[in-house]
Amino acid sequence: MGTLQVKRIYDPVEKSDGMRILVDRLWPRGVKKESAHLGEWMKAIAPSDALRKWFHHDPVEWQEFEAKYMLELKQNDAVKDLLDIIHKNQTVTLLYAARDAEHNHALVLLQFFEHVKIK
């Protein structure tokens, strides 16, 4: 098992990204599918529409969002699919579109997989 990292999809593509996986439910504005260099687009791993709309990238709600999203992940079948991809690739980069680099669901995903020790 290799490295798991997060990155904004708007940042330049780098060889060190390895397998690039978009983990947003919605396609990011202004990004052409050809230039995204994605290995996968995993909409199902993203927060539910209801949770995404409730949070609306409000840092005040961050801790509650983290807790609610962690609960969703514990019941999400897509977690196993992402784990399989992580195990098959030396480096996996989880891509997100949010402007806030400190309060986004990709960071919660990273924390979730670190917590489950990526077994």
N, C-alpha and C. Protein backbone atom coordinates (compact mmCIF):
# COMPACT_ATOMS: atom_id res chain seq x y z
N MET A 1 0.84 -1.17 0.00
CA MET A 1 0.00 0.00 0.00
C MET A 1 0.88 1.23 0.00
N GLY A 2 0.51 2.18 -0.83
CA GLY A 2 1.35 3.36 -0.98
C GLY A 2 0.81 4.57 -0.26
N THR A 3 0.93 5.69 -0.92
CA THR A 3 0.60 6.99 -0.35
C THR A 3 -0.81 7.41 -0.75
N LEU A 4 -1.52 8.02 0.20
CA LEU A 4 -2.83 8.59 -0.06
C LEU A 4 -2.72 10.08 0.25
N GLN A 5 -3.13 10.92 -0.71
CA GLN A 5 -3.01 12.36 -0.54
C GLN A 5 -4.22 13.07 -1.14
N VAL A 6 -4.37 14.35 -0.82
CA VAL A 6 -5.47 15.15 -1.37
C VAL A 6 -4.91 16.36 -2.11
N LYS A 7 -5.71 16.84 -3.06
CA LYS A 7 -5.26 17.94 -3.89
C LYS A 7 -6.48 18.57 -4.57
N ARG A 8 -6.43 19.86 -4.82
CA ARG A 8 -7.49 20.52 -5.59
C ARG A 8 -7.38 20.11 -7.05
N ILE A 9 -8.49 19.86 -7.67
CA ILE A 9 -8.48 19.45 -9.07
C ILE A 9 -7.97 20.56 -9.98
N TYR A 10 -8.01 21.81 -9.50
CA TYR A 10 -7.54 22.94 -10.29
C TYR A 10 -6.02 23.10 -10.26
N ASP A 11 -5.37 22.39 -9.36
CA ASP A 11 -3.90 22.43 -9.30
C ASP A 11 -3.33 21.64 -10.47
N PRO A 12 -2.11 21.98 -10.91
CA PRO A 12 -1.52 21.28 -12.07
C PRO A 12 -1.38 19.77 -11.83
N VAL A 13 -1.58 19.02 -12.89
CA VAL A 13 -1.38 17.57 -12.85
C VAL A 13 0.12 17.31 -12.74
N GLU A 14 0.49 16.40 -11.85
CA GLU A 14 1.89 16.05 -11.66
C GLU A 14 2.04 14.53 -11.71
N LYS A 15 3.18 14.08 -12.15
CA LYS A 15 3.44 12.65 -12.20
C LYS A 15 3.31 12.02 -10.81
N SER A 16 3.68 12.78 -9.78
CA SER A 16 3.63 12.27 -8.40
C SER A 16 2.20 12.09 -7.88
N ASP A 17 1.19 12.52 -8.67
CA ASP A 17 -0.20 12.33 -8.26
C ASP A 17 -0.58 10.85 -8.27
N GLY A 18 0.05 10.07 -9.11
CA GLY A 18 -0.33 8.66 -9.23
C GLY A 18 -1.74 8.54 -9.78
N MET A 19 -2.53 7.67 -9.19
CA MET A 19 -3.93 7.47 -9.58
C MET A 19 -4.75 8.65 -9.07
N ARG A 20 -5.36 9.39 -9.99
CA ARG A 20 -6.13 10.58 -9.64
C ARG A 20 -7.62 10.22 -9.59
N ILE A 21 -8.24 10.47 -8.43
CA ILE A 21 -9.65 10.14 -8.25
C ILE A 21 -10.42 11.37 -7.81
N LEU A 22 -11.39 11.77 -8.62
CA LEU A 22 -12.27 12.88 -8.24
C LEU A 22 -13.29 12.33 -7.25
N VAL A 23 -13.38 12.96 -6.08
CA VAL A 23 -14.28 12.48 -5.03
C VAL A 23 -15.43 13.46 -4.76
N ASP A 24 -15.75 14.29 -5.75
CA ASP A 24 -16.88 15.21 -5.66
C ASP A 24 -18.10 14.60 -6.34
N ARG A 25 -19.28 14.93 -5.84
CA ARG A 25 -20.52 14.44 -6.44
C ARG A 25 -20.83 15.21 -7.74
N LEU A 26 -20.42 16.48 -7.78
CA LEU A 26 -20.67 17.32 -8.95
C LEU A 26 -19.37 17.54 -9.72
N TRP A 27 -19.47 17.63 -11.04
CA TRP A 27 -18.28 17.90 -11.85
C TRP A 27 -17.83 19.34 -11.60
N PRO A 28 -16.53 19.56 -11.39
CA PRO A 28 -16.02 20.91 -11.10
C PRO A 28 -16.14 21.86 -12.29
N ARG A 29 -16.56 23.07 -12.00
CA ARG A 29 -16.73 24.08 -13.05
C ARG A 29 -15.40 24.38 -13.72
N GLY A 30 -15.46 24.52 -15.04
CA GLY A 30 -14.30 24.96 -15.80
C GLY A 30 -13.24 23.90 -16.06
N VAL A 31 -13.47 22.67 -15.62
CA VAL A 31 -12.49 21.60 -15.82
C VAL A 31 -12.96 20.72 -16.97
N LYS A 32 -12.11 20.56 -17.97
CA LYS A 32 -12.42 19.68 -19.09
C LYS A 32 -12.05 18.25 -18.71
N LYS A 33 -12.90 17.32 -19.03
CA LYS A 33 -12.65 15.92 -18.66
C LYS A 33 -11.32 15.41 -19.19
N GLU A 34 -10.95 15.84 -20.40
CA GLU A 34 -9.69 15.37 -20.99
C GLU A 34 -8.47 15.88 -20.22
N SER A 35 -8.56 17.09 -19.69
CA SER A 35 -7.41 17.68 -19.00
C SER A 35 -7.34 17.30 -17.52
N ALA A 36 -8.36 16.62 -17.00
CA ALA A 36 -8.39 16.25 -15.58
C ALA A 36 -7.48 15.05 -15.29
N HIS A 37 -7.21 14.25 -16.31
CA HIS A 37 -6.35 13.06 -16.16
C HIS A 37 -6.80 12.19 -15.00
N LEU A 38 -8.08 11.85 -14.99
CA LEU A 38 -8.64 11.05 -13.92
C LEU A 38 -8.52 9.56 -14.19
N GLY A 39 -8.28 8.82 -13.12
CA GLY A 39 -8.37 7.37 -13.19
C GLY A 39 -9.80 6.95 -12.89
N GLU A 40 -10.44 7.70 -11.99
CA GLU A 40 -11.81 7.41 -11.56
C GLU A 40 -12.52 8.70 -11.17
N TRP A 41 -13.84 8.68 -11.27
CA TRP A 41 -14.69 9.71 -10.69
C TRP A 41 -15.64 8.97 -9.77
N MET A 42 -15.42 9.07 -8.48
CA MET A 42 -16.21 8.33 -7.50
C MET A 42 -17.23 9.24 -6.83
N LYS A 43 -18.35 9.47 -7.50
CA LYS A 43 -19.41 10.32 -6.95
C LYS A 43 -19.98 9.73 -5.67
N ALA A 44 -20.06 8.40 -5.61
CA ALA A 44 -20.71 7.73 -4.49
C ALA A 44 -19.97 7.89 -3.17
N ILE A 45 -18.70 8.24 -3.21
CA ILE A 45 -17.92 8.39 -1.97
C ILE A 45 -18.08 9.79 -1.37
N ALA A 46 -18.62 10.71 -2.16
CA ALA A 46 -18.81 12.09 -1.71
C ALA A 46 -19.93 12.18 -0.68
N PRO A 47 -19.98 13.27 0.08
CA PRO A 47 -21.09 13.44 1.03
C PRO A 47 -22.43 13.44 0.29
N SER A 48 -23.46 13.01 0.97
CA SER A 48 -24.80 13.01 0.38
C SER A 48 -25.17 14.44 -0.02
N ASP A 49 -26.11 14.55 -0.95
CA ASP A 49 -26.56 15.88 -1.37
C ASP A 49 -27.07 16.69 -0.18
N ALA A 50 -27.82 16.03 0.70
CA ALA A 50 -28.38 16.73 1.86
C ALA A 50 -27.26 17.26 2.76
N LEU A 51 -26.25 16.46 3.01
CA LEU A 51 -25.15 16.89 3.88
C LEU A 51 -24.33 17.99 3.20
N ARG A 52 -24.08 17.83 1.92
CA ARG A 52 -23.31 18.84 1.18
C ARG A 52 -24.02 20.20 1.21
N LYS A 53 -25.32 20.18 0.97
CA LYS A 53 -26.08 21.44 0.96
C LYS A 53 -26.17 22.04 2.35
N TRP A 54 -26.30 21.20 3.38
CA TRP A 54 -26.35 21.70 4.76
C TRP A 54 -25.04 22.38 5.13
N PHE A 55 -23.93 21.74 4.84
CA PHE A 55 -22.61 22.28 5.20
C PHE A 55 -22.30 23.54 4.42
N HIS A 56 -22.48 23.52 3.13
CA HIS A 56 -22.26 24.67 2.25
C HIS A 56 -20.92 25.36 2.51
N HIS A 57 -19.90 24.56 2.84
CA HIS A 57 -18.53 25.04 3.07
C HIS A 57 -18.45 26.13 4.14
N ASP A 58 -19.27 25.99 5.17
CA ASP A 58 -19.25 26.94 6.28
C ASP A 58 -18.31 26.43 7.37
N PRO A 59 -17.14 27.05 7.57
CA PRO A 59 -16.17 26.58 8.56
C PRO A 59 -16.74 26.47 9.98
N VAL A 60 -17.77 27.26 10.29
CA VAL A 60 -18.40 27.20 11.61
C VAL A 60 -19.01 25.82 11.85
N GLU A 61 -19.49 25.19 10.79
CA GLU A 61 -20.14 23.88 10.89
C GLU A 61 -19.17 22.71 10.67
N TRP A 62 -17.87 23.00 10.57
CA TRP A 62 -16.88 21.99 10.18
C TRP A 62 -16.89 20.75 11.06
N GLN A 63 -16.83 20.91 12.37
CA GLN A 63 -16.75 19.73 13.25
C GLN A 63 -17.99 18.85 13.14
N GLU A 64 -19.14 19.48 13.05
CA GLU A 64 -20.37 18.69 12.91
C GLU A 64 -20.41 18.01 11.53
N PHE A 65 -19.95 18.72 10.49
CA PHE A 65 -19.87 18.12 9.16
C PHE A 65 -18.96 16.89 9.18
N GLU A 66 -17.78 17.02 9.79
CA GLU A 66 -16.84 15.89 9.88
C GLU A 66 -17.51 14.67 10.50
N ALA A 67 -18.18 14.88 11.61
CA ALA A 67 -18.83 13.78 12.32
C ALA A 67 -19.93 13.14 11.47
N LYS A 68 -20.75 13.97 10.84
CA LYS A 68 -21.84 13.44 10.01
C LYS A 68 -21.31 12.70 8.79
N TYR A 69 -20.27 13.24 8.17
CA TYR A 69 -19.71 12.59 6.98
C TYR A 69 -19.03 11.27 7.37
N MET A 70 -18.35 11.23 8.50
CA MET A 70 -17.74 9.98 8.98
C MET A 70 -18.81 8.91 9.15
N LEU A 71 -19.96 9.29 9.70
CA LEU A 71 -21.06 8.34 9.85
C LEU A 71 -21.54 7.83 8.49
N GLU A 72 -21.66 8.75 7.53
CA GLU A 72 -22.05 8.33 6.18
C GLU A 72 -21.05 7.35 5.60
N LEU A 73 -19.77 7.62 5.79
CA LEU A 73 -18.73 6.76 5.23
C LEU A 73 -18.78 5.35 5.82
N LYS A 74 -19.11 5.25 7.10
CA LYS A 74 -19.18 3.93 7.75
C LYS A 74 -20.28 3.06 7.15
N GLN A 75 -21.24 3.68 6.47
CA GLN A 75 -22.35 2.95 5.87
C GLN A 75 -22.31 2.96 4.34
N ASN A 76 -21.22 3.45 3.78
CA ASN A 76 -21.12 3.65 2.33
C ASN A 76 -20.37 2.49 1.67
N ASP A 77 -21.04 1.81 0.74
CA ASP A 77 -20.43 0.68 0.02
C ASP A 77 -19.25 1.10 -0.85
N ALA A 78 -19.19 2.37 -1.24
CA ALA A 78 -18.10 2.86 -2.10
C ALA A 78 -16.76 2.86 -1.37
N VAL A 79 -16.78 2.82 -0.04
CA VAL A 79 -15.54 2.79 0.73
C VAL A 79 -14.70 1.57 0.34
N LYS A 80 -15.36 0.42 0.21
CA LYS A 80 -14.63 -0.80 -0.18
C LYS A 80 -14.01 -0.65 -1.57
N ASP A 81 -14.74 -0.04 -2.50
CA ASP A 81 -14.21 0.17 -3.85
C ASP A 81 -12.98 1.07 -3.81
N LEU A 82 -13.04 2.13 -3.02
CA LEU A 82 -11.89 3.02 -2.92
C LEU A 82 -10.72 2.33 -2.23
N LEU A 83 -11.00 1.54 -1.22
CA LEU A 83 -9.93 0.77 -0.56
C LEU A 83 -9.22 -0.15 -1.55
N ASP A 84 -9.99 -0.80 -2.41
CA ASP A 84 -9.40 -1.67 -3.43
C ASP A 84 -8.46 -0.89 -4.34
N ILE A 85 -8.88 0.30 -4.75
CA ILE A 85 -8.04 1.14 -5.62
C ILE A 85 -6.77 1.55 -4.88
N ILE A 86 -6.92 1.93 -3.62
CA ILE A 86 -5.76 2.35 -2.82
C ILE A 86 -4.75 1.22 -2.72
N HIS A 87 -5.23 0.00 -2.52
CA HIS A 87 -4.32 -1.15 -2.38
C HIS A 87 -3.62 -1.51 -3.69
N LYS A 88 -4.24 -1.18 -4.81
CA LYS A 88 -3.68 -1.55 -6.11
C LYS A 88 -2.74 -0.49 -6.70
N ASN A 89 -2.62 0.65 -6.04
CA ASN A 89 -1.82 1.75 -6.58
C ASN A 89 -0.82 2.25 -5.55
N GLN A 90 0.36 2.59 -6.02
CA GLN A 90 1.39 3.08 -5.12
C GLN A 90 1.03 4.44 -4.54
N THR A 91 0.45 5.30 -5.37
CA THR A 91 0.03 6.63 -4.92
C THR A 91 -1.37 6.90 -5.43
N VAL A 92 -2.23 7.39 -4.55
CA VAL A 92 -3.60 7.78 -4.91
C VAL A 92 -3.81 9.20 -4.44
N THR A 93 -4.29 10.05 -5.35
CA THR A 93 -4.60 11.43 -5.02
C THR A 93 -6.11 11.63 -5.11
N LEU A 94 -6.70 12.03 -3.98
CA LEU A 94 -8.13 12.33 -3.92
C LEU A 94 -8.30 13.79 -4.31
N LEU A 95 -9.06 14.03 -5.36
CA LEU A 95 -9.22 15.38 -5.90
C LEU A 95 -10.57 15.97 -5.50
N TYR A 96 -10.54 17.24 -5.14
CA TYR A 96 -11.75 17.97 -4.75
C TYR A 96 -11.73 19.34 -5.43
N ALA A 97 -12.89 19.99 -5.49
CA ALA A 97 -12.97 21.28 -6.16
C ALA A 97 -13.11 22.45 -5.19
N ALA A 98 -13.45 22.22 -3.96
CA ALA A 98 -13.70 23.30 -3.00
C ALA A 98 -12.51 24.26 -2.91
N ARG A 99 -12.80 25.53 -2.69
CA ARG A 99 -11.74 26.53 -2.56
C ARG A 99 -11.01 26.42 -1.23
N ASP A 100 -11.72 26.00 -0.20
CA ASP A 100 -11.17 25.95 1.15
C ASP A 100 -10.32 24.69 1.33
N ALA A 101 -9.03 24.87 1.42
CA ALA A 101 -8.11 23.74 1.53
C ALA A 101 -8.10 23.13 2.93
N GLU A 102 -8.72 23.81 3.90
CA GLU A 102 -8.72 23.31 5.28
C GLU A 102 -10.06 22.74 5.72
N HIS A 103 -11.11 22.99 4.95
CA HIS A 103 -12.45 22.53 5.32
C HIS A 103 -13.13 21.93 4.09
N ASN A 104 -12.75 20.71 3.73
CA ASN A 104 -13.39 20.05 2.60
C ASN A 104 -13.47 18.56 2.87
N HIS A 105 -14.39 17.91 2.20
CA HIS A 105 -14.66 16.49 2.48
C HIS A 105 -13.50 15.56 2.12
N ALA A 106 -12.63 15.96 1.20
CA ALA A 106 -11.48 15.11 0.85
C ALA A 106 -10.57 14.93 2.06
N LEU A 107 -10.45 15.96 2.89
CA LEU A 107 -9.65 15.85 4.11
C LEU A 107 -10.29 14.87 5.10
N VAL A 108 -11.62 14.87 5.14
CA VAL A 108 -12.32 13.92 6.01
C VAL A 108 -12.10 12.50 5.49
N LEU A 109 -12.14 12.33 4.18
CA LEU A 109 -11.86 11.02 3.57
C LEU A 109 -10.47 10.54 3.94
N LEU A 110 -9.49 11.42 3.81
CA LEU A 110 -8.11 11.08 4.16
C LEU A 110 -8.03 10.65 5.63
N GLN A 111 -8.65 11.42 6.49
CA GLN A 111 -8.67 11.11 7.92
C GLN A 111 -9.38 9.77 8.17
N PHE A 112 -10.47 9.53 7.47
CA PHE A 112 -11.23 8.28 7.62
C PHE A 112 -10.35 7.08 7.29
N PHE A 113 -9.65 7.15 6.17
CA PHE A 113 -8.81 6.02 5.75
C PHE A 113 -7.59 5.86 6.64
N GLU A 114 -7.08 6.94 7.20
CA GLU A 114 -5.99 6.84 8.16
C GLU A 114 -6.49 6.20 9.45
N HIS A 115 -7.72 6.53 9.83
CA HIS A 115 -8.32 6.00 11.05
C HIS A 115 -8.58 4.49 10.94
N VAL A 116 -9.02 4.05 9.77
CA VAL A 116 -9.27 2.60 9.59
C VAL A 116 -7.98 1.88 9.21
N LYS A 117 -6.88 2.62 9.22
CA LYS A 117 -5.53 2.07 8.96
C LYS A 117 -5.39 1.45 7.56
N ILE A 118 -6.28 1.79 6.68
CA ILE A 118 -6.25 1.32 5.29
C ILE A 118 -5.87 -0.17 5.23
N LYS A 119 -6.63 -0.99 5.88
CA LYS A 119 -6.36 -2.42 5.94
C LYS A 119 -6.72 -3.12 4.66
